[in-house]
Protein backbone atom coordinates (compact mmCIF):
# COMPACT_ATOMS: atom_id res chain seq x y z
CA UNK A 1 -84.42 -27.97 -112.00
CA UNK A 2 -85.08 -24.28 -112.36
CA UNK A 3 -85.20 -22.59 -115.98
CA UNK A 4 -83.10 -19.35 -116.39
CA UNK A 5 -84.40 -16.37 -118.06
CA UNK A 6 -81.77 -16.40 -120.91
CA UNK A 7 -82.00 -19.10 -123.57
CA UNK A 8 -84.02 -21.68 -121.45
CA UNK A 9 -80.74 -23.10 -120.10
CA UNK A 10 -81.40 -25.07 -116.88
CA UNK A 11 -79.73 -23.81 -113.59
CA UNK A 12 -79.27 -25.65 -110.37
CA UNK A 13 -81.90 -24.67 -107.86
CA UNK A 14 -80.73 -22.50 -105.03
CA UNK A 15 -81.62 -21.95 -101.38
CA UNK A 16 -83.68 -19.02 -102.51
CA UNK A 17 -85.90 -21.40 -104.59
CA UNK A 18 -86.25 -23.78 -101.65
CA UNK A 19 -87.34 -20.90 -99.39
CA UNK A 20 -89.81 -19.65 -101.94
CA UNK A 21 -91.35 -23.16 -102.50
CA UNK A 22 -91.54 -23.83 -98.69
CA UNK A 23 -93.10 -20.35 -98.00
CA UNK A 24 -90.33 -19.71 -95.45
CA UNK A 25 -87.31 -17.46 -95.04
CA UNK A 26 -83.96 -18.17 -96.34
CA UNK A 27 -82.66 -18.26 -92.70
CA UNK A 28 -85.07 -20.99 -91.83
CA UNK A 29 -83.97 -23.13 -94.79
CA UNK A 30 -80.37 -22.59 -93.63
CA UNK A 31 -81.09 -23.68 -90.14
CA UNK A 32 -82.86 -26.86 -91.50
CA UNK A 33 -79.76 -27.64 -93.62
CA UNK A 34 -77.41 -27.25 -90.61
CA UNK A 35 -79.21 -29.57 -88.26
CA UNK A 36 -82.87 -28.17 -87.71
CA UNK A 37 -82.19 -26.29 -84.60
CA UNK A 38 -84.72 -23.60 -83.62
CA UNK A 39 -87.17 -24.87 -86.49
CA UNK A 40 -90.67 -25.93 -86.01
CA UNK A 41 -91.52 -29.42 -87.17
CA UNK A 42 -93.98 -28.00 -89.66
CA UNK A 43 -91.48 -25.62 -91.07
CA UNK A 44 -88.85 -28.37 -91.29
CA UNK A 45 -91.22 -30.72 -93.19
CA UNK A 46 -92.04 -27.82 -95.55
CA UNK A 47 -88.43 -27.21 -96.23
CA UNK A 48 -87.64 -31.00 -96.81
CA UNK A 49 -90.65 -31.20 -99.21
CA UNK A 50 -89.31 -28.24 -101.08
CA UNK A 51 -85.92 -29.63 -101.38
CA UNK A 52 -87.27 -32.91 -102.80
CA UNK A 53 -89.51 -30.88 -105.19
CA UNK A 54 -86.76 -28.48 -106.48
CA UNK A 55 -84.07 -31.00 -106.57
CA UNK A 56 -81.86 -28.90 -104.49
CA UNK A 57 -78.48 -30.23 -103.58
CA UNK A 58 -76.31 -28.77 -100.78
CA UNK A 59 -73.12 -27.01 -101.81
CA UNK A 60 -70.94 -28.99 -99.30
CA UNK A 61 -67.91 -26.79 -99.92
CA UNK A 62 -69.76 -23.50 -99.18
CA UNK A 63 -71.35 -24.94 -96.12
CA UNK A 64 -68.06 -26.24 -94.73
CA UNK A 65 -66.68 -22.65 -95.06
CA UNK A 66 -69.50 -21.44 -92.81
CA UNK A 67 -69.76 -24.37 -90.27
CA UNK A 68 -65.98 -25.34 -90.16
CA UNK A 69 -67.06 -28.99 -90.79
CA UNK A 70 -66.30 -31.20 -93.87
CA UNK A 71 -69.53 -33.24 -93.64
CA UNK A 72 -67.53 -36.44 -94.36
CA UNK A 73 -66.04 -39.24 -92.28
CA UNK A 74 -62.79 -41.28 -92.89
CA UNK A 75 -62.50 -44.90 -92.90
CA UNK A 76 -58.94 -45.58 -91.82
CA UNK A 77 -57.36 -49.00 -92.26
CA UNK A 78 -53.82 -49.18 -90.74
CA UNK A 79 -52.86 -52.35 -92.67
CA UNK A 80 -50.88 -52.89 -95.97
CA UNK A 81 -52.97 -52.24 -99.09
CA UNK A 82 -52.98 -55.84 -100.11
CA UNK A 83 -54.60 -56.90 -96.91
CA UNK A 84 -57.61 -54.69 -97.83
CA UNK A 85 -58.07 -56.69 -101.00
CA UNK A 86 -57.38 -60.08 -99.44
CA UNK A 87 -59.49 -60.02 -96.31
CA UNK A 88 -63.09 -59.94 -97.01
CA UNK A 89 -63.95 -58.73 -93.47
CA UNK A 90 -62.62 -55.17 -94.39
CA UNK A 91 -64.94 -55.01 -97.37
CA UNK A 92 -67.92 -56.16 -95.49
CA UNK A 93 -67.24 -53.58 -92.79
CA UNK A 94 -66.55 -50.78 -95.37
CA UNK A 95 -69.96 -51.48 -97.06
CA UNK A 96 -71.87 -51.44 -93.88
CA UNK A 97 -70.34 -48.21 -92.60
CA UNK A 98 -70.89 -46.66 -96.03
CA UNK A 99 -74.66 -47.62 -95.98
CA UNK A 100 -75.09 -46.34 -92.29
CA UNK A 101 -73.54 -43.08 -93.15
CA UNK A 102 -75.52 -42.72 -96.44
CA UNK A 103 -78.75 -42.61 -94.37
CA UNK A 104 -77.35 -39.31 -92.88
CA UNK A 105 -76.24 -38.18 -96.30
CA UNK A 106 -72.57 -38.31 -95.17
CA UNK A 107 -69.87 -39.65 -97.59
CA UNK A 108 -67.14 -42.07 -96.37
CA UNK A 109 -63.55 -41.59 -97.47
CA UNK A 110 -61.38 -44.72 -97.57
CA UNK A 111 -57.85 -44.14 -96.21
CA UNK A 112 -55.26 -46.92 -96.45
CA UNK A 113 -52.18 -46.34 -94.21
CA UNK A 114 -50.00 -49.47 -93.82
CA UNK A 115 -46.69 -47.93 -93.57
CA UNK A 116 -45.12 -45.37 -91.14
CA UNK A 117 -44.93 -42.68 -93.92
CA UNK A 118 -48.54 -43.32 -94.93
CA UNK A 119 -49.75 -43.05 -91.38
CA UNK A 120 -47.89 -39.80 -90.92
CA UNK A 121 -49.44 -38.30 -94.09
CA UNK A 122 -52.88 -39.47 -93.29
CA UNK A 123 -52.72 -38.30 -89.78
CA UNK A 124 -51.61 -34.88 -90.99
CA UNK A 125 -54.61 -34.82 -93.45
CA UNK A 126 -57.19 -35.80 -90.90
CA UNK A 127 -55.92 -33.31 -88.13
CA UNK A 128 -56.10 -30.54 -90.77
CA UNK A 129 -59.92 -30.95 -90.68
CA UNK A 130 -60.51 -32.63 -94.03
CA UNK A 131 -62.88 -35.13 -92.31
CA UNK A 132 -65.12 -34.67 -89.14
CA UNK A 133 -64.31 -37.96 -87.52
CA UNK A 134 -62.60 -41.41 -88.20
CA UNK A 135 -63.64 -44.99 -88.12
CA UNK A 136 -60.44 -46.75 -87.25
CA UNK A 137 -60.03 -50.35 -88.28
CA UNK A 138 -57.26 -52.85 -87.32
CA UNK A 139 -55.33 -50.94 -84.70
CA UNK A 140 -52.20 -52.45 -83.42
CA UNK A 141 -50.56 -51.82 -79.95
CA UNK A 142 -47.67 -49.43 -80.43
CA UNK A 143 -49.33 -47.70 -83.44
CA UNK A 144 -49.52 -44.07 -82.57
CA UNK A 145 -52.35 -43.04 -84.86
CA UNK A 146 -55.28 -43.65 -82.47
CA UNK A 147 -53.44 -41.73 -79.67
CA UNK A 148 -52.33 -38.83 -82.03
CA UNK A 149 -55.87 -38.38 -83.37
CA UNK A 150 -57.40 -38.51 -79.89
CA UNK A 151 -54.84 -35.96 -78.69
CA UNK A 152 -55.69 -33.77 -81.69
CA UNK A 153 -59.43 -33.73 -80.51
CA UNK A 154 -60.40 -35.87 -83.65
CA UNK A 155 -63.66 -37.81 -82.94
CA UNK A 156 -62.72 -41.33 -83.27
CA UNK A 157 -64.31 -44.84 -83.06
CA UNK A 158 -62.22 -48.11 -83.38
CA UNK A 159 -63.30 -51.44 -84.45
CA UNK A 160 -62.17 -53.54 -81.54
CA UNK A 161 -60.82 -52.13 -78.33
CA UNK A 162 -57.56 -50.21 -78.90
CA UNK A 163 -54.86 -51.79 -76.73
CA UNK A 164 -53.58 -49.44 -74.08
CA UNK A 165 -55.96 -46.48 -74.65
CA UNK A 166 -58.73 -47.72 -72.17
CA UNK A 167 -61.80 -45.47 -72.07
CA UNK A 168 -60.16 -42.66 -73.97
CA UNK A 169 -61.24 -43.84 -77.34
CA UNK A 170 -64.85 -45.03 -78.34
CA UNK A 171 -64.92 -48.52 -79.75
CA UNK A 172 -67.26 -51.29 -81.10
CA UNK A 173 -66.12 -54.82 -80.77
CA UNK A 174 -67.53 -58.35 -81.08
CA UNK A 175 -66.97 -60.39 -77.90
CA UNK A 176 -63.76 -62.04 -79.13
CA UNK A 177 -63.05 -63.95 -75.91
CA UNK A 178 -66.64 -65.35 -75.49
CA UNK A 179 -66.66 -66.35 -79.13
CA UNK A 180 -63.30 -68.20 -78.77
CA UNK A 181 -64.70 -69.97 -75.67
CA UNK A 182 -67.77 -71.02 -77.63
CA UNK A 183 -65.61 -72.55 -80.32
CA UNK A 184 -63.22 -74.46 -78.09
CA UNK A 185 -66.15 -75.79 -76.05
CA UNK A 186 -67.76 -77.00 -79.29
CA UNK A 187 -64.51 -78.83 -80.25
CA UNK A 188 -64.29 -80.46 -76.86
CA UNK A 189 -67.81 -81.62 -77.16
CA UNK A 190 -66.83 -83.63 -80.21
CA UNK A 191 -64.26 -85.47 -78.09
CA UNK A 192 -61.27 -83.72 -79.21
CA UNK A 193 -58.55 -83.12 -76.62
CA UNK A 194 -55.33 -82.10 -78.44
CA UNK A 195 -56.72 -78.78 -79.71
CA UNK A 196 -54.15 -76.32 -81.47
CA UNK A 197 -54.63 -72.78 -82.15
CA UNK A 198 -53.53 -70.34 -84.82
CA UNK A 199 -53.87 -67.00 -83.11
CA UNK A 200 -54.33 -63.55 -84.70
CA UNK A 201 -51.63 -60.86 -84.29
CA UNK A 202 -50.89 -60.70 -80.59
CA UNK A 203 -50.55 -56.85 -80.85
CA UNK A 204 -54.25 -56.52 -81.66
CA UNK A 205 -57.22 -56.90 -79.29
CA UNK A 206 -58.77 -59.80 -81.37
CA UNK A 207 -55.50 -61.68 -81.23
CA UNK A 208 -55.13 -61.32 -77.49
CA UNK A 209 -58.75 -61.97 -76.60
CA UNK A 210 -59.29 -65.03 -78.80
CA UNK A 211 -56.14 -66.62 -77.47
CA UNK A 212 -57.37 -65.85 -73.83
CA UNK A 213 -60.69 -67.49 -74.54
CA UNK A 214 -58.90 -70.63 -75.99
CA UNK A 215 -56.66 -70.99 -72.95
CA UNK A 216 -59.59 -70.33 -70.29
CA UNK A 217 -61.74 -73.24 -71.71
CA UNK A 218 -58.77 -75.68 -71.83
CA UNK A 219 -57.96 -74.90 -68.18
CA UNK A 220 -61.69 -75.27 -67.20
CA UNK A 221 -61.53 -78.77 -68.88
CA UNK A 222 -58.49 -79.67 -66.86
CA UNK A 223 -56.27 -80.03 -69.94
CA UNK A 224 -52.62 -79.12 -69.47
CA UNK A 225 -51.30 -75.99 -71.22
CA UNK A 226 -49.00 -77.13 -74.12
CA UNK A 227 -47.34 -74.30 -75.98
CA UNK A 228 -46.50 -76.60 -78.79
CA UNK A 229 -50.19 -76.27 -79.66
CA UNK A 230 -50.01 -72.43 -79.95
CA UNK A 231 -48.82 -70.68 -83.07
CA UNK A 232 -49.41 -67.06 -84.20
CA UNK A 233 -50.53 -65.78 -87.62
CA UNK A 234 -51.44 -62.32 -89.06
CA UNK A 235 -54.98 -63.04 -90.29
CA UNK A 236 -53.65 -63.81 -93.85
CA UNK A 237 -54.26 -67.17 -95.66
CA UNK A 238 -50.56 -67.61 -95.90
CA UNK A 239 -50.00 -67.35 -92.16
CA UNK A 240 -52.68 -69.90 -91.56
CA UNK A 241 -51.06 -72.29 -94.00
CA UNK A 242 -47.56 -71.82 -92.32
CA UNK A 243 -49.10 -72.12 -88.77
CA UNK A 244 -50.81 -75.48 -89.62
CA UNK A 245 -47.39 -76.73 -90.83
CA UNK A 246 -45.78 -75.71 -87.63
CA UNK A 247 -48.56 -77.29 -85.56
CA UNK A 248 -48.38 -80.72 -87.38
CA UNK A 249 -44.57 -80.74 -86.96
CA UNK A 250 -44.73 -79.93 -83.30
CA UNK A 251 -47.79 -81.80 -82.39
CA UNK A 252 -48.53 -84.62 -84.69
CA UNK A 253 -51.26 -85.95 -82.27
CA UNK A 254 -53.37 -82.90 -82.81
CA UNK A 255 -56.90 -83.75 -83.37
CA UNK A 256 -58.46 -80.22 -83.82
CA UNK A 257 -57.42 -76.58 -84.41
CA UNK A 258 -59.15 -73.34 -83.60
CA UNK A 259 -58.14 -70.70 -86.08
CA UNK A 260 -58.62 -67.06 -85.23
CA UNK A 261 -59.98 -66.03 -88.66
CA UNK A 262 -61.78 -67.74 -91.55
CA UNK A 263 -59.22 -66.59 -93.99
CA UNK A 264 -56.35 -68.17 -92.07
CA UNK A 265 -58.50 -71.34 -91.80
CA UNK A 266 -58.53 -71.63 -95.45
CA UNK A 267 -54.86 -71.73 -95.35
CA UNK A 268 -54.98 -74.40 -92.45
CA UNK A 269 -57.35 -76.55 -94.48
CA UNK A 270 -54.92 -76.40 -97.52
CA UNK A 271 -51.93 -77.46 -95.27
CA UNK A 272 -53.89 -80.36 -93.74
CA UNK A 273 -54.95 -81.64 -97.26
CA UNK A 274 -51.37 -81.55 -98.36
CA UNK A 275 -50.45 -83.53 -95.26
CA UNK A 276 -53.08 -86.19 -96.01
CA UNK A 277 -55.20 -85.22 -92.95
CA UNK A 278 -58.97 -85.51 -93.37
CA UNK A 279 -61.27 -82.89 -92.10
CA UNK A 280 -63.01 -83.38 -89.69
CA UNK A 281 -62.32 -87.01 -89.44
CA UNK A 282 -58.61 -86.65 -88.47
CA UNK A 283 -58.55 -83.02 -87.46
CA UNK A 284 -61.54 -80.79 -86.80
CA UNK A 285 -61.29 -77.09 -87.83
CA UNK A 286 -63.12 -74.10 -86.35
CA UNK A 287 -62.60 -70.52 -87.65
CA UNK A 288 -63.73 -67.08 -86.53
CA UNK A 289 -65.65 -64.41 -88.39
CA UNK A 290 -68.24 -66.04 -90.58
CA UNK A 291 -66.82 -64.18 -93.65
CA UNK A 292 -67.35 -65.20 -97.14
CA UNK A 293 -64.13 -67.24 -96.67
CA UNK A 294 -66.11 -69.61 -94.39
CA UNK A 295 -68.61 -70.76 -97.08
CA UNK A 296 -66.02 -70.74 -99.81
CA UNK A 297 -63.82 -73.20 -97.94
CA UNK A 298 -63.66 -76.93 -98.49
CA UNK A 299 -65.16 -78.34 -96.37
CA UNK A 300 -67.40 -75.41 -95.28
CA UNK A 301 -66.10 -73.92 -91.95
CA UNK A 302 -67.71 -74.28 -88.71
CA UNK A 303 -67.05 -70.73 -87.31
CA UNK A 304 -67.89 -67.92 -84.94
CA UNK A 305 -70.17 -65.27 -86.52
CA UNK A 306 -69.27 -61.75 -85.95
CA UNK A 307 -72.40 -59.49 -86.33
CA UNK A 308 -70.70 -57.15 -89.07
CA UNK A 309 -73.96 -55.39 -89.84
CA UNK A 310 -74.43 -54.39 -86.22
CA UNK A 311 -70.65 -53.47 -85.74
CA UNK A 312 -70.71 -51.21 -88.71
CA UNK A 313 -74.02 -49.48 -87.77
CA UNK A 314 -72.91 -49.04 -84.14
CA UNK A 315 -69.61 -47.60 -85.09
CA UNK A 316 -71.32 -44.95 -87.12
CA UNK A 317 -73.93 -44.33 -84.32
CA UNK A 318 -71.25 -43.90 -81.64
CA UNK A 319 -69.20 -41.60 -83.96
CA UNK A 320 -72.20 -39.44 -84.93
CA UNK A 321 -72.98 -39.14 -81.10
CA UNK A 322 -69.41 -37.87 -80.52
CA UNK A 323 -69.94 -35.42 -83.33
CA UNK A 324 -73.10 -34.24 -81.52
CA UNK A 325 -71.05 -33.61 -78.35
CA UNK A 326 -71.38 -36.87 -76.55
CA UNK A 327 -68.57 -38.68 -74.77
CA UNK A 328 -66.81 -41.81 -76.40
CA UNK A 329 -68.72 -44.94 -75.73
CA UNK A 330 -67.83 -48.51 -75.69
CA UNK A 331 -70.08 -51.20 -77.40
CA UNK A 332 -69.45 -55.02 -77.10
CA UNK A 333 -71.67 -57.26 -79.24
CA UNK A 334 -72.35 -61.03 -78.87
CA UNK A 335 -71.07 -63.56 -81.37
CA UNK A 336 -72.69 -66.78 -82.46
CA UNK A 337 -71.42 -70.40 -83.20
CA UNK A 338 -72.25 -71.47 -86.74
CA UNK A 339 -71.90 -75.27 -87.26
CA UNK A 340 -70.92 -76.55 -90.68
CA UNK A 341 -68.84 -79.42 -92.18
CA UNK A 342 -65.34 -78.74 -90.68
CA UNK A 343 -66.11 -79.61 -87.08
């Protein structure tokens, strides 16, 4: 911190202080702060060292007036607010994206838009330029947010492939279909043949792909399709509980169930316990995500691990590449079967 000439009061260091300490011009410091274009490596290192020594902090508001950029990114969750607090996946993803952006000194703004009015307000806020790009989480088919942001030219990366937008929007996803196939094959390897499924929402890519993987493996095994063994949920614990109750009523001979999220699987376990079913002796249960809900469950869940750290870091990488002028990219990451007590 620099001392003023009056009264010894400390003042914040300025860009002039950085330039003087680095032995370069103010313009060189400005170019370093705005991306380092046309600056030699030696000058850039001198400026960075001077910034560290003086404690200079960029005035983001002043810089945004010059560059037309906010130097911030939005994390947009198009789900009801209570889902953010219930589902541990959202918190894991938010933390990972925050850390990945912090490495670039970019703050992340959390935006919750679970209703039509909220989505309209948030879309208006984003397209007004208050963030440079958006990380979109939990997009549903028919939800206009992704298309409206894309049409407005807002750099956008979705978690999961947005249904109906194809290559128009960048996205990062776990291989939902392959993960579901691995889980159902595992249940079959245990000798289970009446395998039910509680799907995710069928207007989301994860819901569609995990159900497809389930059906593909049963078909490969020569097992007849039985729609009594298929119920849908919304990734909440309550929907898993209700789904298990429906499955038990419709298919009392069920000997396993694949649940499309760990949080829903907690609800399934509660319903099975109430019905007097032992897990895994009577009914084996497999989840999806490997979220904290999997290890908190009783018994601990066999599940499919999504690589959340890689998903969040790749979402940030793909978005920053778009901000740098690259085209939207798609990244699909492998999943992993994690065996525990439930199956």
